[in-house]
Amino acid sequence: MADLKAERHPVELTTLGLGSCVGIALFDPVNRVVGMAHCMLPDSQQIRDNANEAKFVDTAVVRLILEMAKLGARKDMIKAKLAGGAQMFPTAPNSDFMRIGDRNVEAALRILSYYGIPVIAQETGETYGRTITLDSEGYGLSIKTIGHGVKVI
């Protein structure tokens, strides 16, 4: 949680326990570099204790792109897959504050669009947690859930 990693092929990157957090999986299929971030909150500017860049969608994506570039990735080749962003707790109608999962996904889509990185697949929302694994061989993102099986996007 609140972590990110970039690696060259061959590798599998896994993150556990995505509830309202969003998992952002990036890959450059030409240069065979992958990266993953497990982000807890959408915006680093709304929290005072924001030193951990991986904790926030806005700063994690930037850091992940930089880490992947160090390994030879090119930003114009990177593609994305998203998972997580669940609504884990009941919320009051019109309560934006507790819509953390939705806000995380919205922030990820917004910043990836800003950097010109297409989101080619996503499995987000719902009311259950996920564990995800990105395989650098075929760039499949395996999504495991309790009670909902395994899915690869």
N, C-alpha and C. Protein backbone atom coordinates (compact mmCIF):
# COMPACT_ATOMS: atom_id res chain seq x y z
N MET A 1 0.84 -1.17 0.00
CA MET A 1 0.00 0.00 0.00
C MET A 1 0.89 1.24 0.00
N ALA A 2 0.46 2.23 -0.78
CA ALA A 2 1.22 3.48 -0.88
C ALA A 2 2.66 3.20 -1.31
N ASP A 3 2.78 2.39 -2.37
CA ASP A 3 4.09 2.00 -2.88
C ASP A 3 4.04 1.95 -4.39
N LEU A 4 5.20 2.00 -5.01
CA LEU A 4 5.28 1.83 -6.46
C LEU A 4 6.59 1.15 -6.82
N LYS A 5 6.61 0.56 -8.01
CA LYS A 5 7.80 -0.18 -8.45
C LYS A 5 7.81 -0.20 -9.96
N ALA A 6 8.99 -0.09 -10.55
CA ALA A 6 9.20 -0.23 -11.99
C ALA A 6 10.31 -1.26 -12.20
N GLU A 7 10.15 -2.09 -13.22
CA GLU A 7 11.11 -3.15 -13.51
C GLU A 7 11.15 -3.44 -15.00
N ARG A 8 12.26 -4.06 -15.42
CA ARG A 8 12.39 -4.55 -16.80
C ARG A 8 11.92 -6.00 -16.85
N HIS A 9 11.51 -6.43 -18.02
CA HIS A 9 11.11 -7.82 -18.28
C HIS A 9 12.31 -8.74 -18.05
N PRO A 10 12.14 -9.93 -17.50
CA PRO A 10 10.91 -10.58 -17.05
C PRO A 10 10.64 -10.31 -15.58
N VAL A 11 9.36 -10.03 -15.27
CA VAL A 11 8.97 -9.76 -13.89
C VAL A 11 7.45 -9.84 -13.76
N GLU A 12 7.00 -10.13 -12.57
CA GLU A 12 5.60 -9.99 -12.21
C GLU A 12 5.54 -9.03 -11.03
N LEU A 13 4.72 -8.01 -11.14
CA LEU A 13 4.53 -7.05 -10.05
C LEU A 13 3.15 -7.29 -9.44
N THR A 14 3.10 -7.36 -8.12
CA THR A 14 1.85 -7.64 -7.41
C THR A 14 1.60 -6.60 -6.34
N THR A 15 0.35 -6.24 -6.16
CA THR A 15 -0.04 -5.44 -5.02
C THR A 15 -1.31 -6.05 -4.42
N LEU A 16 -1.34 -6.06 -3.10
CA LEU A 16 -2.41 -6.71 -2.35
C LEU A 16 -3.36 -5.69 -1.75
N GLY A 17 -4.59 -6.11 -1.57
CA GLY A 17 -5.53 -5.36 -0.76
C GLY A 17 -5.99 -4.04 -1.33
N LEU A 18 -6.28 -4.01 -2.63
CA LEU A 18 -6.88 -2.80 -3.19
C LEU A 18 -8.34 -2.76 -2.80
N GLY A 19 -8.70 -1.83 -1.95
CA GLY A 19 -10.09 -1.58 -1.62
C GLY A 19 -10.48 -0.31 -2.36
N SER A 20 -10.54 0.80 -1.63
CA SER A 20 -10.79 2.08 -2.29
C SER A 20 -9.53 2.59 -2.99
N CYS A 21 -8.39 2.01 -2.68
CA CYS A 21 -7.15 2.37 -3.37
C CYS A 21 -7.26 1.97 -4.84
N VAL A 22 -6.48 2.63 -5.68
CA VAL A 22 -6.46 2.28 -7.09
C VAL A 22 -5.08 1.73 -7.44
N GLY A 23 -5.07 0.65 -8.19
CA GLY A 23 -3.84 0.08 -8.71
C GLY A 23 -3.65 0.57 -10.13
N ILE A 24 -2.51 1.19 -10.37
CA ILE A 24 -2.20 1.73 -11.69
C ILE A 24 -1.05 0.91 -12.26
N ALA A 25 -1.34 0.16 -13.32
CA ALA A 25 -0.34 -0.68 -13.97
C ALA A 25 0.03 -0.03 -15.30
N LEU A 26 1.31 0.29 -15.46
CA LEU A 26 1.81 0.90 -16.69
C LEU A 26 2.77 -0.06 -17.36
N PHE A 27 2.79 -0.04 -18.69
CA PHE A 27 3.74 -0.88 -19.40
C PHE A 27 4.10 -0.27 -20.74
N ASP A 28 5.36 -0.44 -21.10
CA ASP A 28 5.88 -0.05 -22.41
C ASP A 28 6.21 -1.36 -23.11
N PRO A 29 5.34 -1.83 -24.03
CA PRO A 29 5.55 -3.13 -24.66
C PRO A 29 6.72 -3.15 -25.64
N VAL A 30 7.15 -2.00 -26.12
CA VAL A 30 8.27 -1.94 -27.06
C VAL A 30 9.59 -2.12 -26.33
N ASN A 31 9.75 -1.41 -25.22
CA ASN A 31 11.01 -1.45 -24.46
C ASN A 31 10.96 -2.42 -23.28
N ARG A 32 9.82 -3.10 -23.12
CA ARG A 32 9.63 -4.17 -22.13
C ARG A 32 9.91 -3.71 -20.69
N VAL A 33 9.27 -2.60 -20.34
CA VAL A 33 9.37 -2.05 -18.99
C VAL A 33 7.96 -1.96 -18.42
N VAL A 34 7.80 -2.37 -17.16
CA VAL A 34 6.50 -2.30 -16.49
C VAL A 34 6.62 -1.54 -15.18
N GLY A 35 5.50 -1.06 -14.70
CA GLY A 35 5.47 -0.39 -13.42
C GLY A 35 4.09 -0.49 -12.80
N MET A 36 4.05 -0.41 -11.48
CA MET A 36 2.77 -0.48 -10.78
C MET A 36 2.81 0.43 -9.56
N ALA A 37 1.68 1.10 -9.32
CA ALA A 37 1.52 1.93 -8.13
C ALA A 37 0.23 1.53 -7.41
N HIS A 38 0.28 1.56 -6.08
CA HIS A 38 -0.88 1.29 -5.22
C HIS A 38 -1.16 2.59 -4.49
N CYS A 39 -2.14 3.35 -4.99
CA CYS A 39 -2.40 4.71 -4.49
C CYS A 39 -3.62 4.75 -3.58
N MET A 40 -3.47 5.42 -2.46
CA MET A 40 -4.53 5.49 -1.45
C MET A 40 -5.47 6.68 -1.64
N LEU A 41 -4.95 7.80 -2.11
CA LEU A 41 -5.72 9.04 -2.18
C LEU A 41 -5.48 9.74 -3.52
N PRO A 42 -6.45 10.53 -3.99
CA PRO A 42 -6.33 11.12 -5.32
C PRO A 42 -5.37 12.30 -5.44
N ASP A 43 -5.24 13.12 -4.39
CA ASP A 43 -4.58 14.41 -4.57
C ASP A 43 -3.66 14.75 -3.40
N SER A 44 -2.38 14.90 -3.70
CA SER A 44 -1.39 15.21 -2.66
C SER A 44 -1.53 16.62 -2.11
N GLN A 45 -2.21 17.49 -2.82
CA GLN A 45 -2.33 18.88 -2.38
C GLN A 45 -3.37 19.07 -1.27
N GLN A 46 -4.15 18.03 -1.00
CA GLN A 46 -5.19 18.16 0.00
C GLN A 46 -4.79 17.60 1.37
N ILE A 47 -3.55 17.11 1.47
CA ILE A 47 -3.07 16.49 2.71
C ILE A 47 -1.74 17.15 3.09
N ARG A 48 -1.55 17.43 4.34
CA ARG A 48 -0.27 18.02 4.78
C ARG A 48 0.87 17.01 4.73
N ASP A 49 0.63 15.80 5.21
CA ASP A 49 1.67 14.77 5.23
C ASP A 49 1.69 14.07 3.87
N ASN A 50 2.34 14.71 2.89
CA ASN A 50 2.32 14.19 1.52
C ASN A 50 3.70 13.83 0.99
N ALA A 51 4.61 13.46 1.87
CA ALA A 51 5.98 13.15 1.46
C ALA A 51 6.07 11.85 0.67
N ASN A 52 5.19 10.88 0.91
CA ASN A 52 5.21 9.61 0.19
C ASN A 52 4.49 9.78 -1.14
N GLU A 53 5.26 9.95 -2.21
CA GLU A 53 4.68 10.19 -3.54
C GLU A 53 3.77 9.05 -4.01
N ALA A 54 4.05 7.83 -3.59
CA ALA A 54 3.25 6.68 -4.03
C ALA A 54 1.86 6.68 -3.41
N LYS A 55 1.66 7.40 -2.34
CA LYS A 55 0.38 7.42 -1.64
C LYS A 55 -0.72 8.11 -2.44
N PHE A 56 -0.34 9.01 -3.32
CA PHE A 56 -1.29 9.87 -4.03
C PHE A 56 -1.24 9.61 -5.53
N VAL A 57 -2.40 9.56 -6.16
CA VAL A 57 -2.47 9.32 -7.60
C VAL A 57 -1.67 10.36 -8.37
N ASP A 58 -1.85 11.64 -8.06
CA ASP A 58 -1.21 12.70 -8.84
C ASP A 58 0.32 12.61 -8.83
N THR A 59 0.91 12.30 -7.69
CA THR A 59 2.37 12.23 -7.62
C THR A 59 2.90 10.85 -7.99
N ALA A 60 2.14 9.80 -7.75
CA ALA A 60 2.60 8.43 -8.06
C ALA A 60 2.76 8.23 -9.56
N VAL A 61 1.83 8.72 -10.34
CA VAL A 61 1.93 8.55 -11.79
C VAL A 61 3.18 9.24 -12.33
N VAL A 62 3.44 10.44 -11.87
CA VAL A 62 4.64 11.17 -12.31
C VAL A 62 5.90 10.39 -11.93
N ARG A 63 5.99 9.94 -10.67
CA ARG A 63 7.15 9.20 -10.19
C ARG A 63 7.31 7.89 -10.97
N LEU A 64 6.21 7.20 -11.22
CA LEU A 64 6.26 5.92 -11.93
C LEU A 64 6.76 6.11 -13.37
N ILE A 65 6.30 7.14 -14.04
CA ILE A 65 6.79 7.44 -15.40
C ILE A 65 8.29 7.69 -15.37
N LEU A 66 8.75 8.46 -14.40
CA LEU A 66 10.19 8.76 -14.28
C LEU A 66 11.00 7.49 -14.01
N GLU A 67 10.51 6.65 -13.09
CA GLU A 67 11.22 5.40 -12.78
C GLU A 67 11.27 4.46 -13.99
N MET A 68 10.19 4.41 -14.74
CA MET A 68 10.17 3.57 -15.94
C MET A 68 11.12 4.12 -17.01
N ALA A 69 11.18 5.44 -17.13
CA ALA A 69 12.09 6.06 -18.10
C ALA A 69 13.54 5.73 -17.78
N LYS A 70 13.90 5.68 -16.50
CA LYS A 70 15.26 5.31 -16.09
C LYS A 70 15.63 3.91 -16.58
N LEU A 71 14.60 3.06 -16.77
CA LEU A 71 14.83 1.68 -17.21
C LEU A 71 14.69 1.53 -18.73
N GLY A 72 14.46 2.65 -19.43
CA GLY A 72 14.41 2.61 -20.88
C GLY A 72 13.04 2.79 -21.50
N ALA A 73 12.00 2.97 -20.70
CA ALA A 73 10.66 3.17 -21.25
C ALA A 73 10.57 4.55 -21.90
N ARG A 74 9.70 4.63 -22.89
CA ARG A 74 9.40 5.91 -23.54
C ARG A 74 7.95 6.25 -23.24
N LYS A 75 7.73 7.48 -22.77
CA LYS A 75 6.38 7.88 -22.36
C LYS A 75 5.37 7.71 -23.48
N ASP A 76 5.76 7.95 -24.71
CA ASP A 76 4.82 7.83 -25.83
C ASP A 76 4.47 6.38 -26.16
N MET A 77 5.13 5.42 -25.53
CA MET A 77 4.84 4.00 -25.75
C MET A 77 4.06 3.38 -24.58
N ILE A 78 3.95 4.10 -23.48
CA ILE A 78 3.35 3.54 -22.27
C ILE A 78 1.83 3.45 -22.41
N LYS A 79 1.30 2.34 -21.93
CA LYS A 79 -0.14 2.10 -21.86
C LYS A 79 -0.48 1.78 -20.40
N ALA A 80 -1.77 1.90 -20.06
CA ALA A 80 -2.18 1.72 -18.66
C ALA A 80 -3.36 0.76 -18.54
N LYS A 81 -3.41 0.11 -17.38
CA LYS A 81 -4.56 -0.66 -16.94
C LYS A 81 -4.81 -0.27 -15.49
N LEU A 82 -6.09 -0.20 -15.10
CA LEU A 82 -6.46 0.21 -13.74
C LEU A 82 -7.32 -0.85 -13.08
N ALA A 83 -7.17 -0.96 -11.77
CA ALA A 83 -8.03 -1.83 -10.98
C ALA A 83 -8.19 -1.23 -9.59
N GLY A 84 -9.29 -1.57 -8.94
CA GLY A 84 -9.54 -1.09 -7.58
C GLY A 84 -10.55 0.03 -7.58
N GLY A 85 -10.38 0.94 -6.66
CA GLY A 85 -11.29 2.08 -6.57
C GLY A 85 -12.69 1.68 -6.12
N ALA A 86 -12.76 0.69 -5.24
CA ALA A 86 -14.06 0.22 -4.77
C ALA A 86 -14.67 1.17 -3.74
N GLN A 87 -15.98 1.08 -3.59
CA GLN A 87 -16.69 1.80 -2.54
C GLN A 87 -16.86 0.82 -1.39
N MET A 88 -15.93 0.84 -0.45
CA MET A 88 -15.88 -0.17 0.60
C MET A 88 -16.83 0.10 1.76
N PHE A 89 -17.30 1.33 1.89
CA PHE A 89 -18.16 1.68 3.01
C PHE A 89 -19.39 2.43 2.50
N PRO A 90 -20.52 2.24 3.16
CA PRO A 90 -21.72 2.99 2.74
C PRO A 90 -21.47 4.49 2.89
N THR A 91 -22.05 5.25 1.99
CA THR A 91 -21.90 6.71 2.07
C THR A 91 -23.27 7.36 2.03
N ALA A 92 -23.30 8.56 2.55
CA ALA A 92 -24.52 9.36 2.47
C ALA A 92 -24.64 9.90 1.04
N PRO A 93 -25.85 10.01 0.54
CA PRO A 93 -26.02 10.61 -0.78
C PRO A 93 -25.40 12.01 -0.81
N ASN A 94 -24.83 12.35 -1.91
CA ASN A 94 -24.20 13.66 -2.11
C ASN A 94 -22.95 13.88 -1.24
N SER A 95 -22.37 12.81 -0.69
CA SER A 95 -21.17 12.94 0.12
C SER A 95 -19.95 12.61 -0.72
N ASP A 96 -19.31 13.63 -1.25
CA ASP A 96 -18.14 13.42 -2.10
C ASP A 96 -16.93 12.96 -1.29
N PHE A 97 -16.86 13.38 -0.03
CA PHE A 97 -15.70 13.08 0.81
C PHE A 97 -15.43 11.58 0.93
N MET A 98 -16.47 10.77 1.10
CA MET A 98 -16.28 9.33 1.29
C MET A 98 -16.25 8.53 -0.01
N ARG A 99 -16.37 9.17 -1.14
CA ARG A 99 -16.28 8.49 -2.43
C ARG A 99 -14.81 8.34 -2.85
N ILE A 100 -14.00 7.85 -1.95
CA ILE A 100 -12.55 7.80 -2.19
C ILE A 100 -12.22 6.94 -3.40
N GLY A 101 -12.84 5.78 -3.51
CA GLY A 101 -12.56 4.90 -4.64
C GLY A 101 -12.84 5.57 -5.98
N ASP A 102 -14.02 6.15 -6.11
CA ASP A 102 -14.38 6.85 -7.35
C ASP A 102 -13.41 7.99 -7.63
N ARG A 103 -13.09 8.75 -6.59
CA ARG A 103 -12.19 9.90 -6.76
C ARG A 103 -10.79 9.44 -7.17
N ASN A 104 -10.33 8.30 -6.63
CA ASN A 104 -9.02 7.77 -7.03
C ASN A 104 -9.01 7.41 -8.51
N VAL A 105 -10.06 6.74 -8.96
CA VAL A 105 -10.14 6.34 -10.38
C VAL A 105 -10.23 7.58 -11.27
N GLU A 106 -11.06 8.53 -10.89
CA GLU A 106 -11.18 9.77 -11.67
C GLU A 106 -9.84 10.49 -11.77
N ALA A 107 -9.11 10.55 -10.67
CA ALA A 107 -7.79 11.21 -10.66
C ALA A 107 -6.82 10.46 -11.57
N ALA A 108 -6.84 9.13 -11.53
CA ALA A 108 -5.94 8.33 -12.37
C ALA A 108 -6.26 8.56 -13.85
N LEU A 109 -7.53 8.53 -14.21
CA LEU A 109 -7.91 8.76 -15.61
C LEU A 109 -7.50 10.16 -16.07
N ARG A 110 -7.67 11.14 -15.20
CA ARG A 110 -7.34 12.52 -15.54
C ARG A 110 -5.83 12.71 -15.76
N ILE A 111 -5.01 12.21 -14.84
CA ILE A 111 -3.56 12.44 -14.98
C ILE A 111 -2.97 11.60 -16.11
N LEU A 112 -3.48 10.40 -16.30
CA LEU A 112 -2.98 9.59 -17.42
C LEU A 112 -3.34 10.24 -18.76
N SER A 113 -4.53 10.80 -18.85
CA SER A 113 -4.93 11.53 -20.06
C SER A 113 -4.02 12.74 -20.27
N TYR A 114 -3.72 13.46 -19.20
CA TYR A 114 -2.85 14.63 -19.28
C TYR A 114 -1.49 14.26 -19.87
N TYR A 115 -0.96 13.09 -19.49
CA TYR A 115 0.34 12.65 -20.00
C TYR A 115 0.23 11.85 -21.29
N GLY A 116 -0.97 11.75 -21.85
CA GLY A 116 -1.16 11.07 -23.13
C GLY A 116 -1.01 9.56 -23.04
N ILE A 117 -1.26 9.00 -21.87
CA ILE A 117 -1.14 7.55 -21.67
C ILE A 117 -2.54 6.95 -21.75
N PRO A 118 -2.78 6.11 -22.77
CA PRO A 118 -4.12 5.53 -22.91
C PRO A 118 -4.37 4.44 -21.87
N VAL A 119 -5.58 4.45 -21.32
CA VAL A 119 -6.03 3.38 -20.42
C VAL A 119 -6.74 2.37 -21.31
N ILE A 120 -6.11 1.20 -21.49
CA ILE A 120 -6.65 0.23 -22.44
C ILE A 120 -7.58 -0.78 -21.77
N ALA A 121 -7.59 -0.84 -20.44
CA ALA A 121 -8.50 -1.73 -19.73
C ALA A 121 -8.59 -1.27 -18.28
N GLN A 122 -9.76 -1.51 -17.69
CA GLN A 122 -9.91 -1.22 -16.27
C GLN A 122 -11.01 -2.08 -15.68
N GLU A 123 -10.81 -2.38 -14.41
CA GLU A 123 -11.78 -3.13 -13.60
C GLU A 123 -11.85 -2.38 -12.28
N THR A 124 -12.76 -1.44 -12.21
CA THR A 124 -12.81 -0.52 -11.07
C THR A 124 -14.23 -0.44 -10.51
N GLY A 125 -14.32 0.18 -9.32
CA GLY A 125 -15.61 0.37 -8.69
C GLY A 125 -16.04 -0.86 -7.91
N GLU A 126 -17.33 -1.08 -7.86
CA GLU A 126 -17.94 -2.19 -7.11
C GLU A 126 -17.75 -1.99 -5.61
N THR A 127 -17.89 -3.07 -4.83
CA THR A 127 -17.84 -2.96 -3.37
C THR A 127 -16.93 -4.00 -2.75
N TYR A 128 -15.96 -4.48 -3.50
CA TYR A 128 -15.08 -5.54 -2.99
C TYR A 128 -13.62 -5.22 -3.32
N GLY A 129 -12.73 -5.81 -2.51
CA GLY A 129 -11.30 -5.60 -2.68
C GLY A 129 -10.71 -6.49 -3.76
N ARG A 130 -9.49 -6.18 -4.14
CA ARG A 130 -8.80 -6.89 -5.20
C ARG A 130 -7.31 -7.01 -4.89
N THR A 131 -6.70 -8.06 -5.42
CA THR A 131 -5.26 -8.22 -5.48
C THR A 131 -4.91 -8.31 -6.96
N ILE A 132 -3.89 -7.57 -7.40
CA ILE A 132 -3.56 -7.56 -8.82
C ILE A 132 -2.10 -7.93 -9.06
N THR A 133 -1.87 -8.57 -10.21
CA THR A 133 -0.53 -8.93 -10.64
C THR A 133 -0.37 -8.58 -12.11
N LEU A 134 0.67 -7.82 -12.43
CA LEU A 134 1.00 -7.46 -13.81
C LEU A 134 2.15 -8.34 -14.27
N ASP A 135 1.92 -9.05 -15.37
CA ASP A 135 2.92 -9.95 -15.95
C ASP A 135 3.60 -9.25 -17.12
N SER A 136 4.92 -9.13 -17.09
CA SER A 136 5.64 -8.44 -18.15
C SER A 136 5.73 -9.27 -19.43
N GLU A 137 5.31 -10.52 -19.40
CA GLU A 137 5.37 -11.34 -20.62
C GLU A 137 4.30 -10.92 -21.62
N GLY A 138 3.06 -10.86 -21.19
CA GLY A 138 1.98 -10.51 -22.12
C GLY A 138 1.21 -9.28 -21.68
N TYR A 139 1.64 -8.66 -20.58
CA TYR A 139 1.05 -7.44 -20.03
C TYR A 139 -0.39 -7.65 -19.54
N GLY A 140 -0.71 -8.90 -19.21
CA GLY A 140 -2.01 -9.17 -18.61
C GLY A 140 -2.02 -8.73 -17.16
N LEU A 141 -3.12 -8.14 -16.75
CA LEU A 141 -3.30 -7.74 -15.36
C LEU A 141 -4.30 -8.70 -14.75
N SER A 142 -3.80 -9.59 -13.88
CA SER A 142 -4.63 -10.58 -13.22
C SER A 142 -5.25 -9.94 -11.98
N ILE A 143 -6.57 -10.08 -11.87
CA ILE A 143 -7.31 -9.47 -10.76
C ILE A 143 -7.99 -10.58 -9.98
N LYS A 144 -7.59 -10.73 -8.71
CA LYS A 144 -8.16 -11.76 -7.85
C LYS A 144 -9.06 -11.09 -6.82
N THR A 145 -10.24 -11.68 -6.63
CA THR A 145 -11.18 -11.16 -5.65
C THR A 145 -11.78 -12.31 -4.86
N ILE A 146 -12.11 -12.05 -3.63
CA ILE A 146 -12.79 -13.06 -2.82
C ILE A 146 -14.26 -13.05 -3.22
N GLY A 147 -14.74 -14.20 -3.61
CA GLY A 147 -16.15 -14.32 -3.98
C GLY A 147 -16.48 -13.92 -5.40
N HIS A 148 -15.50 -13.40 -6.14
CA HIS A 148 -15.76 -12.97 -7.52
C HIS A 148 -14.75 -13.58 -8.50
N GLY A 149 -13.90 -14.48 -8.02
CA GLY A 149 -13.00 -15.19 -8.91
C GLY A 149 -11.78 -14.40 -9.36
N VAL A 150 -11.20 -14.88 -10.45
CA VAL A 150 -10.00 -14.29 -11.05
C VAL A 150 -10.35 -13.85 -12.47
N LYS A 151 -9.85 -12.70 -12.82
CA LYS A 151 -10.10 -12.14 -14.15
C LYS A 151 -8.79 -11.55 -14.65
N VAL A 152 -8.54 -11.67 -15.95
CA VAL A 152 -7.35 -11.07 -16.54
C VAL A 152 -7.80 -10.03 -17.57
N ILE A 153 -7.29 -8.83 -17.41
CA ILE A 153 -7.60 -7.75 -18.39
C ILE A 153 -6.32 -7.33 -19.08
